[in-house]
Amino acid sequence: MADMFAAVASQNSKIHSILISETESGNTNKVPKLLDLTDYKNWKGRFETHLNGTDINLWEIILSPYERPKVVGTNLDQTLDRLYVDQRKKYDSEKKAYWKIEGNTKLKKMKATDIRKEFENFNFIGNESLEALITRYRHLLTEVRKCGIEYTEEDKIDCFADALPEIWNSLVLILRENFPRNDTS
């Protein structure tokens, strides 16, 4: 009976860890949560990555939000039916971005290309903690899967190992020497 309670406690701990991790890094349906103000800088990066994964233009919209035209001589917003064609187009595009519309095939291909580039160039950033690096990497793998991009497990391991800070280089080298790849070439 005690073993059963230990197993349940262990599972609860694992579930709690997964939920905390998912809360921090977000997923396709949830934005990453800011759990601690001291982590704002890392969270901002995760949040930006999440928004870019949802719609490439969302982060740009946040940085330069849409301002609805005003009625001439007043401080009142112009009604939609009185917007000029170019103003209405801008309004409609902003509206689409906020509703997280995935876009057409061309946009999806561009997004996949960007994700591939991000995977190929994934690297340690400045004073980033290992935990933040892992969180970014996990989010990147989520984006890779969402885009339907496939990498081998070895490619994924190499990507992460190459991104580790220099302090890890000797350990990575030892691991690579002791666990060689299964190259068939």
Foldseek 3Di string as FASTA:
>chain_A
DVVVVVVVVVVVVVVVVVVLLCLQQPALVGARDDPDPVCVVLSVVSRLLNLCLLPVCPVVCVVPPDDADADPPDPHGDDLVPDDPVSNVVVVVNVCSVVSDRDDPVRLVVSLVVLVVCLVPPAADDPDDPSSSVSVLVRSVSSCVVSVHDDDPVSSVVSSQRRDDPVCVVVSVVCCVVPPDPDPD
